[in-house]
Amino acid sequence: ITCTPGVYGEEEQNGLDCWLSREKTEGMRVRPRQTGDTLKLPGRPGKTLKKWMVEEKIPRCDRDCLPVLAVGDRVCAVARLGPDAEFLPRVGEWAWHIRFVPLPH
């Protein structure tokens, strides 16, 4: 995972490359998924991470290895799924540019 500061300019957000508001992510940490974690992808309904991972056909053996970025008990972003809508930055706002770099198999 790389995390660099920058000004958000409406770049495309996806499961491997996303932007998160610096203002909303103070104390952000990396952790594995936990039972009951939820994620609301932009423009889509909120669901549990388990439901998202099943829907996106992420193999069961990979699910517990995907890094989750969280503030407290709130999920900010998940590798291969993307950022939670609540943590998206506004255009022109200082933000964190997050890149999830897949490891070779």
C-alpha atoms as a PDB file:
ATOM      1  CA  ILE A   1       0.000   0.000   0.000  1.00  0.00           C
ATOM      2  CA  THR A   2       1.277   3.451  -0.835  1.00  0.00           C
ATOM      3  CA  CYS A   3      -0.224   6.565   0.718  1.00  0.00           C
ATOM      4  CA  THR A   4       0.851   9.980  -0.554  1.00  0.00           C
ATOM      5  CA  PRO A   5      -0.639  13.428   0.079  1.00  0.00           C
ATOM      6  CA  GLY A   6      -1.988  15.469  -2.806  1.00  0.00           C
ATOM      7  CA  VAL A   7      -4.791  17.698  -3.976  1.00  0.00           C
ATOM      8  CA  TYR A   8      -7.775  15.751  -5.283  1.00  0.00           C
ATOM      9  CA  GLY A   9      -8.800  16.730  -8.802  1.00  0.00           C
ATOM     10  CA  GLU A  10     -11.640  14.320  -9.653  1.00  0.00           C
ATOM     11  CA  GLU A  11      -9.361  11.416 -10.540  1.00  0.00           C
ATOM     12  CA  GLU A  12     -11.111   8.106 -11.148  1.00  0.00           C
ATOM     13  CA  GLN A  13     -11.603   5.979  -8.044  1.00  0.00           C
ATOM     14  CA  ASN A  14     -11.362   2.192  -8.122  1.00  0.00           C
ATOM     15  CA  GLY A  15     -10.368  -0.790  -6.013  1.00  0.00           C
ATOM     16  CA  LEU A  16      -6.628  -0.372  -6.529  1.00  0.00           C
ATOM     17  CA  ASP A  17      -6.288   3.425  -6.790  1.00  0.00           C
ATOM     18  CA  CYS A  18      -8.391   5.783  -4.684  1.00  0.00           C
ATOM     19  CA  TRP A  19      -8.422   9.124  -2.863  1.00  0.00           C
ATOM     20  CA  LEU A  20      -9.568   9.697   0.718  1.00  0.00           C
ATOM     21  CA  SER A  21     -10.241  12.957   2.554  1.00  0.00           C
ATOM     22  CA  ARG A  22      -7.360  13.808   4.903  1.00  0.00           C
ATOM     23  CA  GLU A  23      -9.812  15.648   7.137  1.00  0.00           C
ATOM     24  CA  LYS A  24     -11.977  12.538   7.635  1.00  0.00           C
ATOM     25  CA  THR A  25      -9.185   9.968   7.984  1.00  0.00           C
ATOM     26  CA  GLU A  26      -7.218  11.161  11.010  1.00  0.00           C
ATOM     27  CA  GLY A  27      -5.980   8.074  12.818  1.00  0.00           C
ATOM     28  CA  MET A  28      -6.507   5.808   9.791  1.00  0.00           C
ATOM     29  CA  ARG A  29      -4.960   2.361  10.122  1.00  0.00           C
ATOM     30  CA  VAL A  30      -4.628  -0.842   8.124  1.00  0.00           C
ATOM     31  CA  ARG A  31      -6.292  -3.971   9.433  1.00  0.00           C
ATOM     32  CA  PRO A  32      -7.928  -7.183   8.188  1.00  0.00           C
ATOM     33  CA  ARG A  33     -11.693  -7.310   7.661  1.00  0.00           C
ATOM     34  CA  GLN A  34     -13.863  -7.940  10.692  1.00  0.00           C
ATOM     35  CA  THR A  35     -17.285  -9.512  11.045  1.00  0.00           C
ATOM     36  CA  GLY A  36     -19.951  -6.886  10.392  1.00  0.00           C
ATOM     37  CA  ASP A  37     -17.717  -4.442   8.478  1.00  0.00           C
ATOM     38  CA  THR A  38     -19.747  -2.458   5.940  1.00  0.00           C
ATOM     39  CA  LEU A  39     -18.835  -0.433   2.869  1.00  0.00           C
ATOM     40  CA  LYS A  40     -20.881   2.002   0.778  1.00  0.00           C
ATOM     41  CA  LEU A  41     -19.218   2.318  -2.605  1.00  0.00           C
ATOM     42  CA  PRO A  42     -19.958   5.627  -4.381  1.00  0.00           C
ATOM     43  CA  GLY A  43     -23.346   5.516  -6.112  1.00  0.00           C
ATOM     44  CA  ARG A  44     -24.128   2.047  -4.768  1.00  0.00           C
ATOM     45  CA  PRO A  45     -25.936   0.740  -1.686  1.00  0.00           C
ATOM     46  CA  GLY A  46     -24.102  -0.104   1.529  1.00  0.00           C
ATOM     47  CA  LYS A  47     -23.403  -3.787   2.153  1.00  0.00           C
ATOM     48  CA  THR A  48     -21.236  -5.931   4.373  1.00  0.00           C
ATOM     49  CA  LEU A  49     -17.725  -6.629   3.109  1.00  0.00           C
ATOM     50  CA  LYS A  50     -18.641 -10.304   2.896  1.00  0.00           C
ATOM     51  CA  LYS A  51     -21.534  -9.519   0.511  1.00  0.00           C
ATOM     52  CA  TRP A  52     -19.354  -7.186  -1.591  1.00  0.00           C
ATOM     53  CA  MET A  53     -16.616  -9.808  -1.847  1.00  0.00           C
ATOM     54  CA  VAL A  54     -19.082 -12.521  -2.894  1.00  0.00           C
ATOM     55  CA  GLU A  55     -20.708 -10.171  -5.457  1.00  0.00           C
ATOM     56  CA  GLU A  56     -17.323  -9.144  -6.884  1.00  0.00           C
ATOM     57  CA  LYS A  57     -16.251 -12.813  -7.055  1.00  0.00           C
ATOM     58  CA  ILE A  58     -13.195 -12.358  -4.837  1.00  0.00           C
ATOM     59  CA  PRO A  59     -11.978 -15.887  -4.024  1.00  0.00           C
ATOM     60  CA  ARG A  60     -12.685 -16.964  -0.449  1.00  0.00           C
ATOM     61  CA  CYS A  61      -8.987 -17.680   0.114  1.00  0.00           C
ATOM     62  CA  ASP A  62      -8.128 -14.008  -0.689  1.00  0.00           C
ATOM     63  CA  ARG A  63     -10.824 -12.292   1.389  1.00  0.00           C
ATOM     64  CA  ASP A  64      -9.067 -12.247   4.774  1.00  0.00           C
ATOM     65  CA  CYS A  65      -5.799 -11.105   3.167  1.00  0.00           C
ATOM     66  CA  LEU A  66      -7.194  -7.911   1.605  1.00  0.00           C
ATOM     67  CA  PRO A  67      -6.188  -4.806   3.558  1.00  0.00           C
ATOM     68  CA  VAL A  68      -8.940  -2.687   5.062  1.00  0.00           C
ATOM     69  CA  LEU A  69      -8.282   0.988   5.807  1.00  0.00           C
ATOM     70  CA  ALA A  70     -10.297   2.099   8.831  1.00  0.00           C
ATOM     71  CA  VAL A  71     -10.811   4.980  11.228  1.00  0.00           C
ATOM     72  CA  GLY A  72     -12.056   3.568  14.505  1.00  0.00           C
ATOM     73  CA  ASP A  73     -14.634   0.957  13.545  1.00  0.00           C
ATOM     74  CA  ARG A  74     -15.536   2.674  10.226  1.00  0.00           C
ATOM     75  CA  VAL A  75     -14.177   1.233   6.971  1.00  0.00           C
ATOM     76  CA  CYS A  76     -12.640   3.944   4.713  1.00  0.00           C
ATOM     77  CA  ALA A  77     -11.538   1.730   1.804  1.00  0.00           C
ATOM     78  CA  VAL A  78     -10.855  -1.888   0.926  1.00  0.00           C
ATOM     79  CA  ALA A  79      -8.354  -3.219  -1.594  1.00  0.00           C
ATOM     80  CA  ARG A  80     -10.046  -4.508  -4.788  1.00  0.00           C
ATOM     81  CA  LEU A  81     -13.371  -2.906  -3.763  1.00  0.00           C
ATOM     82  CA  GLY A  82     -12.654   0.812  -3.374  1.00  0.00           C
ATOM     83  CA  PRO A  83     -13.355   3.757  -1.076  1.00  0.00           C
ATOM     84  CA  ASP A  84     -16.407   4.303   1.111  1.00  0.00           C
ATOM     85  CA  ALA A  85     -18.497   7.234  -0.165  1.00  0.00           C
ATOM     86  CA  GLU A  86     -18.356   8.965   3.239  1.00  0.00           C
ATOM     87  CA  PHE A  87     -14.567   9.328   3.026  1.00  0.00           C
ATOM     88  CA  LEU A  88     -14.309  10.764  -0.497  1.00  0.00           C
ATOM     89  CA  PRO A  89     -12.569  14.141  -0.741  1.00  0.00           C
ATOM     90  CA  ARG A  90     -14.028  17.245  -2.348  1.00  0.00           C
ATOM     91  CA  VAL A  91     -12.381  18.552  -5.521  1.00  0.00           C
ATOM     92  CA  GLY A  92      -9.435  20.778  -4.580  1.00  0.00           C
ATOM     93  CA  GLU A  93      -9.194  19.310  -1.069  1.00  0.00           C
ATOM     94  CA  TRP A  94      -5.955  17.930   0.358  1.00  0.00           C
ATOM     95  CA  ALA A  95      -6.353  14.170   0.323  1.00  0.00           C
ATOM     96  CA  TRP A  96      -4.528  10.881   0.617  1.00  0.00           C
ATOM     97  CA  HIS A  97      -3.816   9.111  -2.660  1.00  0.00           C
ATOM     98  CA  ILE A  98      -3.988   5.408  -1.819  1.00  0.00           C
ATOM     99  CA  ARG A  99      -2.613   2.727  -4.115  1.00  0.00           C
ATOM    100  CA  PHE A 100      -3.071  -0.938  -3.330  1.00  0.00           C
ATOM    101  CA  VAL A 101      -0.228  -2.710  -5.116  1.00  0.00           C
ATOM    102  CA  PRO A 102      -1.049  -6.386  -5.733  1.00  0.00           C
ATOM    103  CA  LEU A 103       1.584  -8.883  -4.690  1.00  0.00           C
ATOM    104  CA  PRO A 104       2.691 -11.391  -7.319  1.00  0.00           C
ATOM    105  CA  HIS A 105       1.303 -14.893  -6.775  1.00  0.00           C
END
